[in-house]
């Protein structure tokens, strides 16, 4: 993810969010997304990266929590859970290659 974000001309800055120390979305569990990104257009994107083997109940809960945060935060904010290659067919969960294409337009 770091290499992809660094190569994108529309990324103003990115930050590796430290678990249990950085920004968290507070819910039943505290969710610390892996990356915080700001685009040249002023959008702030939270990114949670997952290996394909990490699809489980907690993952789906974090996805729901992230999407709720996005909906409440406003139109300049986005949340994505990015899987290496798995497509969960869930709103907000996306494959890495598709995410990279989507990021180019944010």
C-alpha atoms as a PDB file:
ATOM      1  CA  UNK A   1       0.000   0.000   0.000  1.00  0.00           C
ATOM      2  CA  UNK A   2       2.788   2.426   0.863  1.00  0.00           C
ATOM      3  CA  UNK A   3       4.420   2.054  -2.537  1.00  0.00           C
ATOM      4  CA  UNK A   4       1.087   2.560  -4.317  1.00  0.00           C
ATOM      5  CA  UNK A   5       0.187   5.677  -2.294  1.00  0.00           C
ATOM      6  CA  UNK A   6       3.634   7.195  -2.785  1.00  0.00           C
ATOM      7  CA  UNK A   7       3.346   6.762  -6.572  1.00  0.00           C
ATOM      8  CA  UNK A   8      -0.053   8.480  -6.848  1.00  0.00           C
ATOM      9  CA  UNK A   9       0.235  12.117  -7.972  1.00  0.00           C
ATOM     10  CA  UNK A  10      -3.111  13.027  -6.393  1.00  0.00           C
ATOM     11  CA  UNK A  11      -1.995  12.012  -2.868  1.00  0.00           C
ATOM     12  CA  UNK A  12      -0.987  15.124  -0.919  1.00  0.00           C
ATOM     13  CA  UNK A  13       0.182  13.110   2.092  1.00  0.00           C
ATOM     14  CA  UNK A  14      -0.306   9.775   3.805  1.00  0.00           C
ATOM     15  CA  UNK A  15       0.273   8.673   7.369  1.00  0.00           C
ATOM     16  CA  UNK A  16       0.735   5.186   8.825  1.00  0.00           C
ATOM     17  CA  UNK A  17      -1.743   5.104  11.704  1.00  0.00           C
ATOM     18  CA  UNK A  18      -0.303   3.341  14.758  1.00  0.00           C
ATOM     19  CA  UNK A  19      -2.593   0.772  16.368  1.00  0.00           C
ATOM     20  CA  UNK A  20      -3.620   1.570  19.941  1.00  0.00           C
ATOM     21  CA  UNK A  21      -1.895   4.966  19.721  1.00  0.00           C
ATOM     22  CA  UNK A  22      -3.235   6.830  16.682  1.00  0.00           C
ATOM     23  CA  UNK A  23      -6.643   7.799  15.369  1.00  0.00           C
ATOM     24  CA  UNK A  24      -9.385   5.295  16.117  1.00  0.00           C
ATOM     25  CA  UNK A  25     -13.017   4.840  15.241  1.00  0.00           C
ATOM     26  CA  UNK A  26     -14.619   4.006  18.539  1.00  0.00           C
ATOM     27  CA  UNK A  27     -17.248   1.278  18.547  1.00  0.00           C
ATOM     28  CA  UNK A  28     -17.737  -2.132  20.163  1.00  0.00           C
ATOM     29  CA  UNK A  29     -14.028  -2.507  19.438  1.00  0.00           C
ATOM     30  CA  UNK A  30     -11.637   0.347  18.813  1.00  0.00           C
ATOM     31  CA  UNK A  31     -10.773   0.317  15.119  1.00  0.00           C
ATOM     32  CA  UNK A  32      -7.424   1.825  14.111  1.00  0.00           C
ATOM     33  CA  UNK A  33      -7.363   2.025  10.289  1.00  0.00           C
ATOM     34  CA  UNK A  34      -3.901   1.366   8.865  1.00  0.00           C
ATOM     35  CA  UNK A  35      -3.531   4.549   6.813  1.00  0.00           C
ATOM     36  CA  UNK A  36      -4.853   8.095   6.742  1.00  0.00           C
ATOM     37  CA  UNK A  37      -4.516   9.803   3.358  1.00  0.00           C
ATOM     38  CA  UNK A  38      -5.305  13.273   2.080  1.00  0.00           C
ATOM     39  CA  UNK A  39      -5.740  13.833  -1.646  1.00  0.00           C
ATOM     40  CA  UNK A  40      -4.950  16.985  -3.619  1.00  0.00           C
ATOM     41  CA  UNK A  41      -8.723  17.553  -3.883  1.00  0.00           C
ATOM     42  CA  UNK A  42      -8.998  17.700  -0.069  1.00  0.00           C
ATOM     43  CA  UNK A  43     -10.583  14.319   0.569  1.00  0.00           C
ATOM     44  CA  UNK A  44      -9.476  12.387   3.650  1.00  0.00           C
ATOM     45  CA  UNK A  45      -9.412   8.629   3.197  1.00  0.00           C
ATOM     46  CA  UNK A  46      -9.067   5.989   5.899  1.00  0.00           C
ATOM     47  CA  UNK A  47      -7.661   2.700   4.629  1.00  0.00           C
ATOM     48  CA  UNK A  48      -7.712  -0.639   6.410  1.00  0.00           C
ATOM     49  CA  UNK A  49      -5.566  -3.226   4.616  1.00  0.00           C
ATOM     50  CA  UNK A  50      -6.299  -6.945   4.931  1.00  0.00           C
ATOM     51  CA  UNK A  51      -4.736 -10.102   3.639  1.00  0.00           C
ATOM     52  CA  UNK A  52      -7.259 -12.339   1.908  1.00  0.00           C
ATOM     53  CA  UNK A  53      -7.070 -14.838   4.777  1.00  0.00           C
ATOM     54  CA  UNK A  54      -8.340 -12.250   7.298  1.00  0.00           C
ATOM     55  CA  UNK A  55     -12.003 -12.272   6.320  1.00  0.00           C
ATOM     56  CA  UNK A  56     -13.910 -12.944   9.554  1.00  0.00           C
ATOM     57  CA  UNK A  57     -16.621 -11.554  11.827  1.00  0.00           C
ATOM     58  CA  UNK A  58     -14.376  -8.846  13.309  1.00  0.00           C
ATOM     59  CA  UNK A  59     -13.351  -7.758   9.807  1.00  0.00           C
ATOM     60  CA  UNK A  60     -16.988  -7.324   8.780  1.00  0.00           C
ATOM     61  CA  UNK A  61     -17.702  -5.407  11.977  1.00  0.00           C
ATOM     62  CA  UNK A  62     -14.764  -3.050  11.301  1.00  0.00           C
ATOM     63  CA  UNK A  63     -16.051  -2.527   7.767  1.00  0.00           C
ATOM     64  CA  UNK A  64     -19.517  -1.614   9.074  1.00  0.00           C
ATOM     65  CA  UNK A  65     -17.963   0.724  11.635  1.00  0.00           C
ATOM     66  CA  UNK A  66     -15.794   2.407   8.990  1.00  0.00           C
ATOM     67  CA  UNK A  67     -18.722   2.900   6.634  1.00  0.00           C
ATOM     68  CA  UNK A  68     -20.813   4.377   9.474  1.00  0.00           C
ATOM     69  CA  UNK A  69     -17.940   6.791  10.211  1.00  0.00           C
ATOM     70  CA  UNK A  70     -17.788   7.775   6.535  1.00  0.00           C
ATOM     71  CA  UNK A  71     -21.515   8.444   6.386  1.00  0.00           C
ATOM     72  CA  UNK A  72     -21.429  10.596   9.507  1.00  0.00           C
ATOM     73  CA  UNK A  73     -18.157  12.426   8.706  1.00  0.00           C
ATOM     74  CA  UNK A  74     -19.388  14.066   5.509  1.00  0.00           C
ATOM     75  CA  UNK A  75     -18.711  14.174   1.791  1.00  0.00           C
ATOM     76  CA  UNK A  76     -14.973  14.889   2.091  1.00  0.00           C
ATOM     77  CA  UNK A  77     -14.286  11.645   3.944  1.00  0.00           C
ATOM     78  CA  UNK A  78     -14.015   8.047   2.729  1.00  0.00           C
ATOM     79  CA  UNK A  79     -13.332   4.660   4.298  1.00  0.00           C
ATOM     80  CA  UNK A  80     -12.096   1.589   2.420  1.00  0.00           C
ATOM     81  CA  UNK A  81     -11.118  -1.889   3.495  1.00  0.00           C
ATOM     82  CA  UNK A  82      -8.631  -3.126   0.917  1.00  0.00           C
ATOM     83  CA  UNK A  83      -8.051  -6.840   0.357  1.00  0.00           C
ATOM     84  CA  UNK A  84      -5.110  -8.197  -1.591  1.00  0.00           C
ATOM     85  CA  UNK A  85      -7.245  -9.929  -4.223  1.00  0.00           C
ATOM     86  CA  UNK A  86     -10.470 -11.110  -2.578  1.00  0.00           C
ATOM     87  CA  UNK A  87     -13.782  -9.516  -3.592  1.00  0.00           C
ATOM     88  CA  UNK A  88     -16.284  -9.711  -0.719  1.00  0.00           C
ATOM     89  CA  UNK A  89     -19.073  -7.956  -2.627  1.00  0.00           C
ATOM     90  CA  UNK A  90     -19.552  -5.688   0.402  1.00  0.00           C
ATOM     91  CA  UNK A  91     -19.883  -1.898   0.242  1.00  0.00           C
ATOM     92  CA  UNK A  92     -16.488  -0.462   1.168  1.00  0.00           C
ATOM     93  CA  UNK A  93     -14.482  -3.674   0.736  1.00  0.00           C
ATOM     94  CA  UNK A  94     -12.400  -3.582  -2.421  1.00  0.00           C
ATOM     95  CA  UNK A  95      -9.553  -5.419  -4.120  1.00  0.00           C
ATOM     96  CA  UNK A  96      -6.155  -3.721  -4.114  1.00  0.00           C
ATOM     97  CA  UNK A  97      -5.961  -3.175  -7.905  1.00  0.00           C
ATOM     98  CA  UNK A  98      -9.489  -1.733  -8.037  1.00  0.00           C
ATOM     99  CA  UNK A  99      -8.719   0.499  -5.060  1.00  0.00           C
ATOM    100  CA  UNK A 100      -5.646   1.922  -6.790  1.00  0.00           C
ATOM    101  CA  UNK A 101      -7.762   2.791  -9.829  1.00  0.00           C
ATOM    102  CA  UNK A 102     -10.475   4.337  -7.640  1.00  0.00           C
ATOM    103  CA  UNK A 103      -7.901   6.421  -5.703  1.00  0.00           C
ATOM    104  CA  UNK A 104      -6.717   8.106  -8.890  1.00  0.00           C
ATOM    105  CA  UNK A 105     -10.117   9.825  -9.132  1.00  0.00           C
ATOM    106  CA  UNK A 106     -10.461  10.988  -5.529  1.00  0.00           C
END
